[in-house]
Amino acid sequence: MLIGYARTSTAKQNGGLVAQLALLEKADVDPDNVFHEQVSSVQPRAQLDAAIKSLRKGDQLVVTKLDRLARSLEHAIQVERQIASRGASLKVLDPAMDTSEPIGRLLFNMIGAVAQFEREIMLERQRDSIARAKAEDKYKGRVPTARARSTEVLGMMLQGKGLAEVARLIGISRASVYRIIADHKEGFA
């Protein structure tokens, strides 16, 4: 049986999710057998876990691209091993590879290694650019987001609004509200 998995990093990427679902259906994956979620690759992925747990011997987990499945080579190998331990295999549509075949397994390992290399090069360039900008006194760092709204948060909290409500109204995470309160804890003691 073919089991599909689709993921986008944010809920704002609906077009990307719809495109993945269409590609999975075109690859003969029954829409009822597709697990999908919209979370960052570094967050817990309940739907990926559920997809893997649903696999039986001879099944295949189908994804559109390797980066939709894993965040690094190490993670891709770990996920593929989980799939293999269930007697199933992994099929990636682009580039086409199928770990149920020896050439597919080789290709999976090679492409994963290249993807990891590209990511490390990109991070190295980013670090170099930041160092150069700091040396030229041009680096300002990340623009403060939630903490720049501290006055609004504190005002709403003093009005008696709850944490979740404040976060929703301002458009920041509850964790950010907690951080702002911790920064100004003397006002809430």
N, C-alpha and C. Protein backbone atom coordinates (compact mmCIF):
# COMPACT_ATOMS: atom_id res chain seq x y z
N MET A 1 0.84 -1.18 0.00
CA MET A 1 0.00 0.00 0.00
C MET A 1 0.89 1.24 0.00
N LEU A 2 0.45 2.26 -0.69
CA LEU A 2 1.17 3.53 -0.71
C LEU A 2 0.59 4.46 0.35
N ILE A 3 1.48 5.00 1.19
CA ILE A 3 1.10 5.95 2.23
C ILE A 3 1.82 7.26 1.89
N GLY A 4 1.09 8.34 1.81
CA GLY A 4 1.69 9.62 1.45
C GLY A 4 1.97 10.49 2.66
N TYR A 5 2.95 11.36 2.53
CA TYR A 5 3.25 12.36 3.56
C TYR A 5 3.59 13.67 2.87
N ALA A 6 2.93 14.75 3.31
CA ALA A 6 3.18 16.08 2.77
C ALA A 6 3.37 17.04 3.94
N ARG A 7 4.27 18.03 3.76
CA ARG A 7 4.52 19.00 4.82
C ARG A 7 4.94 20.33 4.24
N THR A 8 4.43 21.39 4.86
CA THR A 8 4.96 22.73 4.61
C THR A 8 5.40 23.27 5.96
N SER A 9 6.28 24.25 5.93
CA SER A 9 6.84 24.79 7.18
C SER A 9 5.88 25.67 7.94
N THR A 10 4.94 26.32 7.24
CA THR A 10 4.00 27.20 7.92
C THR A 10 2.60 27.02 7.35
N ALA A 11 1.61 27.47 8.10
CA ALA A 11 0.22 27.40 7.66
C ALA A 11 -0.04 28.35 6.49
N LYS A 12 0.85 29.31 6.29
CA LYS A 12 0.68 30.27 5.20
C LYS A 12 1.02 29.67 3.84
N GLN A 13 1.60 28.49 3.83
CA GLN A 13 2.04 27.86 2.58
C GLN A 13 1.01 26.87 2.05
N ASN A 14 -0.24 27.29 2.01
CA ASN A 14 -1.31 26.39 1.55
C ASN A 14 -1.12 25.93 0.13
N GLY A 15 -0.64 26.82 -0.74
CA GLY A 15 -0.40 26.44 -2.14
C GLY A 15 0.59 25.31 -2.26
N GLY A 16 1.65 25.37 -1.45
CA GLY A 16 2.65 24.30 -1.47
C GLY A 16 2.08 22.97 -1.01
N LEU A 17 1.22 23.03 0.01
CA LEU A 17 0.60 21.80 0.51
C LEU A 17 -0.34 21.21 -0.54
N VAL A 18 -1.14 22.06 -1.16
CA VAL A 18 -2.08 21.60 -2.20
C VAL A 18 -1.30 20.97 -3.36
N ALA A 19 -0.18 21.59 -3.74
CA ALA A 19 0.64 21.05 -4.84
C ALA A 19 1.20 19.68 -4.47
N GLN A 20 1.68 19.53 -3.24
CA GLN A 20 2.20 18.23 -2.81
C GLN A 20 1.10 17.16 -2.82
N LEU A 21 -0.07 17.52 -2.33
CA LEU A 21 -1.19 16.57 -2.28
C LEU A 21 -1.57 16.13 -3.70
N ALA A 22 -1.56 17.08 -4.64
CA ALA A 22 -1.88 16.75 -6.03
C ALA A 22 -0.83 15.80 -6.63
N LEU A 23 0.45 16.06 -6.34
CA LEU A 23 1.51 15.18 -6.85
C LEU A 23 1.41 13.77 -6.26
N LEU A 24 1.05 13.69 -4.98
CA LEU A 24 0.90 12.38 -4.36
C LEU A 24 -0.27 11.61 -4.98
N GLU A 25 -1.36 12.32 -5.24
CA GLU A 25 -2.51 11.67 -5.87
C GLU A 25 -2.16 11.20 -7.28
N LYS A 26 -1.41 12.03 -8.01
CA LYS A 26 -0.96 11.67 -9.36
C LYS A 26 -0.07 10.43 -9.33
N ALA A 27 0.64 10.23 -8.21
CA ALA A 27 1.52 9.06 -8.04
C ALA A 27 0.75 7.86 -7.50
N ASP A 28 -0.59 7.91 -7.60
CA ASP A 28 -1.47 6.80 -7.20
C ASP A 28 -1.58 6.58 -5.70
N VAL A 29 -1.29 7.61 -4.90
CA VAL A 29 -1.49 7.51 -3.46
C VAL A 29 -2.95 7.90 -3.19
N ASP A 30 -3.69 7.00 -2.56
CA ASP A 30 -5.09 7.28 -2.21
C ASP A 30 -5.13 8.46 -1.24
N PRO A 31 -5.91 9.51 -1.53
CA PRO A 31 -5.98 10.67 -0.63
C PRO A 31 -6.34 10.31 0.82
N ASP A 32 -7.03 9.21 1.01
CA ASP A 32 -7.36 8.77 2.37
C ASP A 32 -6.14 8.23 3.11
N ASN A 33 -5.08 7.95 2.37
CA ASN A 33 -3.85 7.42 2.96
C ASN A 33 -2.73 8.45 2.99
N VAL A 34 -3.08 9.74 2.98
CA VAL A 34 -2.08 10.80 3.01
C VAL A 34 -2.12 11.50 4.35
N PHE A 35 -0.97 11.59 4.97
CA PHE A 35 -0.80 12.33 6.22
C PHE A 35 -0.15 13.66 5.85
N HIS A 36 -0.66 14.75 6.41
CA HIS A 36 -0.06 16.05 6.09
C HIS A 36 -0.11 16.97 7.29
N GLU A 37 0.85 17.90 7.31
CA GLU A 37 0.92 18.86 8.40
C GLU A 37 1.66 20.11 7.93
N GLN A 38 1.48 21.17 8.70
CA GLN A 38 2.12 22.44 8.38
C GLN A 38 2.89 22.90 9.60
N VAL A 39 4.08 22.33 9.75
CA VAL A 39 4.97 22.65 10.87
C VAL A 39 6.40 22.70 10.37
N SER A 40 7.23 23.43 11.08
CA SER A 40 8.64 23.50 10.76
C SER A 40 9.27 22.11 10.93
N SER A 41 10.32 21.86 10.18
CA SER A 41 10.97 20.55 10.26
C SER A 41 11.63 20.31 11.61
N VAL A 42 11.86 21.36 12.39
CA VAL A 42 12.50 21.17 13.69
C VAL A 42 11.49 20.94 14.81
N GLN A 43 10.21 21.13 14.53
CA GLN A 43 9.17 20.89 15.52
C GLN A 43 8.77 19.43 15.51
N PRO A 44 8.15 18.95 16.59
CA PRO A 44 7.62 17.58 16.57
C PRO A 44 6.60 17.44 15.43
N ARG A 45 6.66 16.33 14.73
CA ARG A 45 5.77 16.13 13.59
C ARG A 45 4.92 14.89 13.82
N ALA A 46 3.78 15.14 14.42
CA ALA A 46 2.86 14.05 14.79
C ALA A 46 2.37 13.28 13.57
N GLN A 47 2.12 13.97 12.46
CA GLN A 47 1.61 13.30 11.27
C GLN A 47 2.67 12.42 10.61
N LEU A 48 3.93 12.82 10.66
CA LEU A 48 4.99 11.97 10.14
C LEU A 48 5.09 10.71 11.00
N ASP A 49 5.05 10.90 12.30
CA ASP A 49 5.09 9.74 13.21
C ASP A 49 3.92 8.80 12.94
N ALA A 50 2.73 9.38 12.75
CA ALA A 50 1.54 8.56 12.48
C ALA A 50 1.67 7.82 11.15
N ALA A 51 2.23 8.50 10.14
CA ALA A 51 2.41 7.86 8.83
C ALA A 51 3.35 6.67 8.96
N ILE A 52 4.46 6.85 9.68
CA ILE A 52 5.42 5.76 9.84
C ILE A 52 4.79 4.61 10.63
N LYS A 53 4.05 4.93 11.68
CA LYS A 53 3.39 3.88 12.48
C LYS A 53 2.35 3.11 11.69
N SER A 54 1.78 3.74 10.66
CA SER A 54 0.75 3.07 9.87
C SER A 54 1.34 2.09 8.85
N LEU A 55 2.66 2.18 8.62
CA LEU A 55 3.29 1.33 7.61
C LEU A 55 3.32 -0.13 8.04
N ARG A 56 3.03 -0.99 7.08
CA ARG A 56 3.11 -2.45 7.27
C ARG A 56 4.13 -3.01 6.28
N LYS A 57 4.48 -4.25 6.46
CA LYS A 57 5.46 -4.90 5.58
C LYS A 57 5.00 -4.78 4.13
N GLY A 58 5.92 -4.30 3.28
CA GLY A 58 5.63 -4.15 1.85
C GLY A 58 5.04 -2.79 1.47
N ASP A 59 4.66 -1.98 2.45
CA ASP A 59 4.12 -0.64 2.16
C ASP A 59 5.25 0.28 1.73
N GLN A 60 4.85 1.43 1.19
CA GLN A 60 5.81 2.44 0.77
C GLN A 60 5.34 3.80 1.24
N LEU A 61 6.23 4.54 1.90
CA LEU A 61 5.95 5.93 2.27
C LEU A 61 6.39 6.79 1.09
N VAL A 62 5.47 7.60 0.56
CA VAL A 62 5.75 8.41 -0.61
C VAL A 62 5.77 9.88 -0.21
N VAL A 63 6.84 10.58 -0.59
CA VAL A 63 6.95 12.03 -0.38
C VAL A 63 7.34 12.67 -1.70
N THR A 64 6.99 13.96 -1.84
CA THR A 64 7.30 14.64 -3.10
C THR A 64 8.78 14.96 -3.21
N LYS A 65 9.37 15.44 -2.11
CA LYS A 65 10.80 15.79 -2.10
C LYS A 65 11.38 15.40 -0.75
N LEU A 66 12.67 15.14 -0.73
CA LEU A 66 13.34 14.71 0.48
C LEU A 66 13.29 15.76 1.58
N ASP A 67 13.34 17.05 1.20
CA ASP A 67 13.33 18.09 2.24
C ASP A 67 11.97 18.24 2.91
N ARG A 68 10.92 17.66 2.36
CA ARG A 68 9.61 17.65 3.00
C ARG A 68 9.57 16.59 4.10
N LEU A 69 10.49 15.64 4.02
CA LEU A 69 10.54 14.54 4.97
C LEU A 69 11.51 14.81 6.11
N ALA A 70 12.70 15.31 5.80
CA ALA A 70 13.76 15.41 6.80
C ALA A 70 14.47 16.74 6.75
N ARG A 71 15.07 17.13 7.88
CA ARG A 71 15.74 18.42 7.97
C ARG A 71 17.25 18.33 7.74
N SER A 72 17.79 17.11 7.73
CA SER A 72 19.23 16.92 7.54
C SER A 72 19.48 15.50 7.03
N LEU A 73 20.69 15.25 6.61
CA LEU A 73 21.05 13.90 6.17
C LEU A 73 20.86 12.92 7.32
N GLU A 74 21.34 13.29 8.48
CA GLU A 74 21.22 12.42 9.65
C GLU A 74 19.75 12.08 9.92
N HIS A 75 18.89 13.10 9.86
CA HIS A 75 17.47 12.87 10.11
C HIS A 75 16.84 12.03 9.01
N ALA A 76 17.22 12.27 7.75
CA ALA A 76 16.68 11.48 6.64
C ALA A 76 17.04 10.00 6.81
N ILE A 77 18.28 9.74 7.19
CA ILE A 77 18.72 8.36 7.39
C ILE A 77 17.95 7.73 8.56
N GLN A 78 17.77 8.50 9.63
CA GLN A 78 17.02 8.00 10.78
C GLN A 78 15.58 7.65 10.39
N VAL A 79 14.93 8.52 9.64
CA VAL A 79 13.55 8.27 9.22
C VAL A 79 13.50 7.06 8.29
N GLU A 80 14.44 6.97 7.36
CA GLU A 80 14.46 5.84 6.43
C GLU A 80 14.67 4.53 7.18
N ARG A 81 15.48 4.56 8.23
CA ARG A 81 15.70 3.34 9.03
C ARG A 81 14.42 2.94 9.78
N GLN A 82 13.68 3.94 10.27
CA GLN A 82 12.40 3.64 10.93
C GLN A 82 11.45 2.97 9.94
N ILE A 83 11.43 3.51 8.72
CA ILE A 83 10.56 2.95 7.69
C ILE A 83 10.98 1.52 7.37
N ALA A 84 12.28 1.30 7.17
CA ALA A 84 12.81 -0.03 6.85
C ALA A 84 12.56 -1.02 7.98
N SER A 85 12.62 -0.55 9.23
CA SER A 85 12.39 -1.45 10.37
C SER A 85 10.97 -1.98 10.40
N ARG A 86 10.06 -1.34 9.71
CA ARG A 86 8.68 -1.78 9.63
C ARG A 86 8.44 -2.66 8.39
N GLY A 87 9.54 -2.94 7.66
CA GLY A 87 9.43 -3.77 6.47
C GLY A 87 8.91 -2.99 5.26
N ALA A 88 8.97 -1.68 5.35
CA ALA A 88 8.46 -0.81 4.29
C ALA A 88 9.63 -0.11 3.61
N SER A 89 9.32 0.69 2.60
CA SER A 89 10.36 1.43 1.89
C SER A 89 9.91 2.87 1.68
N LEU A 90 10.84 3.70 1.24
CA LEU A 90 10.61 5.11 0.99
C LEU A 90 10.68 5.38 -0.51
N LYS A 91 9.72 6.16 -0.99
CA LYS A 91 9.74 6.57 -2.39
C LYS A 91 9.67 8.09 -2.43
N VAL A 92 10.67 8.72 -3.06
CA VAL A 92 10.71 10.16 -3.23
C VAL A 92 10.42 10.43 -4.71
N LEU A 93 9.49 11.35 -4.97
CA LEU A 93 9.09 11.61 -6.35
C LEU A 93 10.08 12.47 -7.12
N ASP A 94 10.68 13.46 -6.43
CA ASP A 94 11.59 14.38 -7.13
C ASP A 94 12.81 14.67 -6.27
N PRO A 95 13.98 14.19 -6.63
CA PRO A 95 14.28 13.33 -7.76
C PRO A 95 13.82 11.91 -7.47
N ALA A 96 13.46 11.20 -8.50
CA ALA A 96 12.88 9.87 -8.35
C ALA A 96 13.86 8.90 -7.70
N MET A 97 13.44 8.37 -6.56
CA MET A 97 14.24 7.32 -5.91
C MET A 97 13.32 6.45 -5.09
N ASP A 98 13.66 5.19 -5.03
CA ASP A 98 12.85 4.19 -4.34
C ASP A 98 13.80 3.29 -3.56
N THR A 99 13.73 3.37 -2.23
CA THR A 99 14.69 2.61 -1.40
C THR A 99 14.40 1.12 -1.36
N SER A 100 13.35 0.67 -2.05
CA SER A 100 13.11 -0.77 -2.12
C SER A 100 14.06 -1.42 -3.14
N GLU A 101 14.78 -0.58 -3.90
CA GLU A 101 15.73 -1.06 -4.90
C GLU A 101 17.14 -0.60 -4.53
N PRO A 102 18.17 -1.41 -4.80
CA PRO A 102 19.54 -1.03 -4.44
C PRO A 102 19.97 0.32 -5.01
N ILE A 103 19.65 0.60 -6.26
CA ILE A 103 20.05 1.86 -6.87
C ILE A 103 19.33 3.03 -6.18
N GLY A 104 18.10 2.80 -5.77
CA GLY A 104 17.34 3.83 -5.06
C GLY A 104 17.94 4.14 -3.71
N ARG A 105 18.39 3.10 -3.01
CA ARG A 105 19.04 3.30 -1.71
C ARG A 105 20.34 4.08 -1.88
N LEU A 106 21.13 3.73 -2.90
CA LEU A 106 22.37 4.46 -3.18
C LEU A 106 22.07 5.92 -3.50
N LEU A 107 21.10 6.15 -4.35
CA LEU A 107 20.73 7.50 -4.73
C LEU A 107 20.24 8.29 -3.52
N PHE A 108 19.45 7.65 -2.67
CA PHE A 108 18.95 8.30 -1.45
C PHE A 108 20.13 8.80 -0.60
N ASN A 109 21.11 7.96 -0.39
CA ASN A 109 22.27 8.35 0.41
C ASN A 109 23.09 9.45 -0.25
N MET A 110 23.26 9.39 -1.55
CA MET A 110 24.05 10.41 -2.26
C MET A 110 23.34 11.76 -2.25
N ILE A 111 22.06 11.78 -2.54
CA ILE A 111 21.33 13.04 -2.58
C ILE A 111 21.23 13.64 -1.19
N GLY A 112 21.03 12.80 -0.20
CA GLY A 112 21.00 13.30 1.17
C GLY A 112 22.33 13.94 1.56
N ALA A 113 23.44 13.33 1.15
CA ALA A 113 24.76 13.89 1.46
C ALA A 113 24.97 15.23 0.75
N VAL A 114 24.52 15.34 -0.49
CA VAL A 114 24.66 16.59 -1.24
C VAL A 114 23.81 17.68 -0.59
N ALA A 115 22.59 17.34 -0.19
CA ALA A 115 21.71 18.32 0.45
C ALA A 115 22.33 18.82 1.76
N GLN A 116 22.91 17.91 2.53
CA GLN A 116 23.55 18.30 3.78
C GLN A 116 24.75 19.21 3.51
N PHE A 117 25.54 18.88 2.49
CA PHE A 117 26.69 19.69 2.11
C PHE A 117 26.24 21.10 1.72
N GLU A 118 25.19 21.20 0.89
CA GLU A 118 24.68 22.51 0.48
C GLU A 118 24.25 23.34 1.67
N ARG A 119 23.58 22.72 2.62
CA ARG A 119 23.12 23.44 3.82
C ARG A 119 24.31 23.94 4.62
N GLU A 120 25.33 23.11 4.79
CA GLU A 120 26.51 23.52 5.56
C GLU A 120 27.25 24.67 4.86
N ILE A 121 27.34 24.64 3.55
CA ILE A 121 27.98 25.71 2.79
C ILE A 121 27.18 27.00 2.96
N MET A 122 25.84 26.91 2.88
CA MET A 122 24.99 28.09 3.04
C MET A 122 25.17 28.70 4.44
N LEU A 123 25.23 27.87 5.46
CA LEU A 123 25.42 28.36 6.82
C LEU A 123 26.80 28.99 6.99
N GLU A 124 27.81 28.41 6.36
CA GLU A 124 29.16 28.97 6.42
C GLU A 124 29.20 30.35 5.76
N ARG A 125 28.57 30.47 4.60
CA ARG A 125 28.50 31.78 3.92
C ARG A 125 27.76 32.79 4.78
N GLN A 126 26.70 32.35 5.41
CA GLN A 126 25.93 33.25 6.28
C GLN A 126 26.80 33.75 7.43
N ARG A 127 27.54 32.84 8.07
CA ARG A 127 28.43 33.23 9.18
C ARG A 127 29.50 34.20 8.69
N ASP A 128 30.07 33.93 7.50
CA ASP A 128 31.08 34.83 6.94
C ASP A 128 30.51 36.21 6.68
N SER A 129 29.31 36.28 6.12
CA SER A 129 28.67 37.57 5.83
C SER A 129 28.38 38.35 7.10
N ILE A 130 27.94 37.66 8.13
CA ILE A 130 27.67 38.32 9.41
C ILE A 130 28.96 38.85 10.01
N ALA A 131 30.02 38.05 9.97
CA ALA A 131 31.32 38.49 10.51
C ALA A 131 31.83 39.71 9.75
N ARG A 132 31.70 39.71 8.43
CA ARG A 132 32.14 40.84 7.61
C ARG A 132 31.31 42.09 7.95
N ALA A 133 30.00 41.93 8.09
CA ALA A 133 29.12 43.06 8.43
C ALA A 133 29.44 43.60 9.82
N LYS A 134 29.75 42.72 10.76
CA LYS A 134 30.13 43.16 12.11
C LYS A 134 31.44 43.94 12.06
N ALA A 135 32.41 43.45 11.27
CA ALA A 135 33.70 44.13 11.16
C ALA A 135 33.55 45.51 10.55
N GLU A 136 32.58 45.68 9.67
CA GLU A 136 32.32 46.97 9.05
C GLU A 136 31.30 47.79 9.84
N ASP A 137 30.93 47.29 11.01
CA ASP A 137 29.95 47.95 11.89
C ASP A 137 28.61 48.19 11.18
N LYS A 138 28.22 47.22 10.35
CA LYS A 138 26.96 47.32 9.63
C LYS A 138 25.93 46.30 10.12
N TYR A 139 26.36 45.39 10.96
CA TYR A 139 25.46 44.33 11.41
C TYR A 139 24.61 44.82 12.57
N LYS A 140 23.34 44.74 12.40
CA LYS A 140 22.42 45.18 13.45
C LYS A 140 21.78 44.00 14.18
N GLY A 141 21.92 42.81 13.64
CA GLY A 141 21.28 41.64 14.26
C GLY A 141 19.83 41.55 13.83
N ARG A 142 19.16 40.59 14.42
CA ARG A 142 17.76 40.36 14.11
C ARG A 142 16.93 41.50 14.69
N VAL A 143 15.97 41.96 13.91
CA VAL A 143 15.10 43.02 14.38
C VAL A 143 14.21 42.47 15.49
N PRO A 144 14.18 43.15 16.65
CA PRO A 144 13.33 42.66 17.72
C PRO A 144 11.87 42.67 17.28
N THR A 145 11.19 41.61 17.61
CA THR A 145 9.80 41.52 17.17
C THR A 145 8.87 41.64 18.37
N ALA A 146 8.70 40.57 19.09
CA ALA A 146 7.74 40.56 20.19
C ALA A 146 8.12 41.55 21.30
N ARG A 147 9.37 41.58 21.68
CA ARG A 147 9.77 42.46 22.78
C ARG A 147 9.57 43.94 22.42
N ALA A 148 9.53 44.26 21.14
CA ALA A 148 9.25 45.63 20.73
C ALA A 148 7.81 46.01 21.05
N ARG A 149 6.98 45.01 21.33
CA ARG A 149 5.57 45.24 21.65
C ARG A 149 5.32 45.10 23.15
N SER A 150 6.38 45.20 23.96
CA SER A 150 6.28 45.01 25.41
C SER A 150 5.25 45.93 26.06
N THR A 151 5.21 47.18 25.64
CA THR A 151 4.29 48.14 26.24
C THR A 151 2.84 47.69 26.03
N GLU A 152 2.53 47.23 24.82
CA GLU A 152 1.18 46.75 24.53
C GLU A 152 0.85 45.52 25.38
N VAL A 153 1.79 44.58 25.45
CA VAL A 153 1.57 43.36 26.21
C VAL A 153 1.32 43.69 27.68
N LEU A 154 2.20 44.51 28.25
CA LEU A 154 2.07 44.84 29.67
C LEU A 154 0.77 45.58 29.94
N GLY A 155 0.40 46.47 29.03
CA GLY A 155 -0.85 47.20 29.20
C GLY A 155 -2.05 46.28 29.21
N MET A 156 -2.09 45.34 28.30
CA MET A 156 -3.21 44.39 28.25
C MET A 156 -3.23 43.48 29.47
N MET A 157 -2.04 43.08 29.92
CA MET A 157 -1.97 42.22 31.11
C MET A 157 -2.49 42.97 32.33
N LEU A 158 -2.14 44.25 32.43
CA LEU A 158 -2.60 45.06 33.56
C LEU A 158 -4.11 45.29 33.49
N GLN A 159 -4.68 45.20 32.31
CA GLN A 159 -6.14 45.33 32.15
C GLN A 159 -6.85 44.03 32.51
N GLY A 160 -6.07 42.99 32.82
CA GLY A 160 -6.66 41.72 33.25
C GLY A 160 -6.86 40.70 32.15
N LYS A 161 -6.34 40.95 30.98
CA LYS A 161 -6.47 39.98 29.89
C LYS A 161 -5.54 38.79 30.15
N GLY A 162 -5.94 37.62 29.69
CA GLY A 162 -5.14 36.41 29.87
C GLY A 162 -4.01 36.32 28.87
N LEU A 163 -3.05 35.45 29.17
CA LEU A 163 -1.88 35.27 28.31
C LEU A 163 -2.26 34.91 26.88
N ALA A 164 -3.12 33.91 26.73
CA ALA A 164 -3.50 33.46 25.39
C ALA A 164 -4.20 34.57 24.62
N GLU A 165 -5.06 35.31 25.30
CA GLU A 165 -5.79 36.39 24.65
C GLU A 165 -4.83 37.49 24.19
N VAL A 166 -3.89 37.86 25.05
CA VAL A 166 -2.91 38.89 24.70
C VAL A 166 -2.09 38.44 23.49
N ALA A 167 -1.63 37.20 23.51
CA ALA A 167 -0.84 36.67 22.40
C ALA A 167 -1.63 36.72 21.10
N ARG A 168 -2.89 36.31 21.16
CA ARG A 168 -3.74 36.30 19.97
C ARG A 168 -4.00 37.71 19.46
N LEU A 169 -4.33 38.62 20.35
CA LEU A 169 -4.66 39.99 19.95
C LEU A 169 -3.47 40.73 19.33
N ILE A 170 -2.28 40.50 19.88
CA ILE A 170 -1.10 41.20 19.39
C ILE A 170 -0.46 40.46 18.21
N GLY A 171 -0.70 39.15 18.15
CA GLY A 171 -0.13 38.37 17.05
C GLY A 171 1.26 37.85 17.35
N ILE A 172 1.52 37.52 18.61
CA ILE A 172 2.80 36.93 19.00
C ILE A 172 2.53 35.63 19.73
N SER A 173 3.56 34.87 20.00
CA SER A 173 3.37 33.58 20.67
C SER A 173 3.19 33.78 22.17
N ARG A 174 2.59 32.77 22.80
CA ARG A 174 2.44 32.81 24.26
C ARG A 174 3.81 32.82 24.93
N ALA A 175 4.78 32.13 24.33
CA ALA A 175 6.14 32.11 24.89
C ALA A 175 6.71 33.53 24.92
N SER A 176 6.42 34.31 23.88
CA SER A 176 6.89 35.70 23.85
C SER A 176 6.25 36.52 24.96
N VAL A 177 4.97 36.28 25.21
CA VAL A 177 4.28 36.98 26.30
C VAL A 177 4.94 36.62 27.62
N TYR A 178 5.25 35.34 27.82
CA TYR A 178 5.93 34.90 29.05
C TYR A 178 7.29 35.60 29.19
N ARG A 179 8.04 35.71 28.08
CA ARG A 179 9.36 36.36 28.13
C ARG A 179 9.23 37.84 28.51
N ILE A 180 8.25 38.50 27.94
CA ILE A 180 8.04 39.92 28.26
C ILE A 180 7.69 40.10 29.73
N ILE A 181 6.83 39.22 30.23
CA ILE A 181 6.46 39.28 31.65
C ILE A 181 7.67 39.01 32.52
N ALA A 182 8.50 38.04 32.13
CA ALA A 182 9.70 37.73 32.91
C ALA A 182 10.65 38.92 32.92
N ASP A 183 10.74 39.64 31.80
CA ASP A 183 11.60 40.83 31.72
C ASP A 183 11.11 41.93 32.66
N HIS A 184 9.82 41.94 32.94
CA HIS A 184 9.20 43.00 33.75
C HIS A 184 8.48 42.41 34.96
N LYS A 185 9.05 41.33 35.54
CA LYS A 185 8.35 40.60 36.60
C LYS A 185 8.03 41.42 37.85
N GLU A 186 8.79 42.45 38.11
CA GLU A 186 8.51 43.24 39.31
C GLU A 186 7.12 43.88 39.24
N GLY A 187 6.62 44.14 38.04
CA GLY A 187 5.31 44.72 37.89
C GLY A 187 4.18 43.73 38.07
N PHE A 188 4.51 42.43 38.11
CA PHE A 188 3.48 41.40 38.24
C PHE A 188 3.66 40.54 39.48
N ALA A 189 4.54 40.94 40.38
CA ALA A 189 4.81 40.14 41.57
C ALA A 189 3.72 40.29 42.61
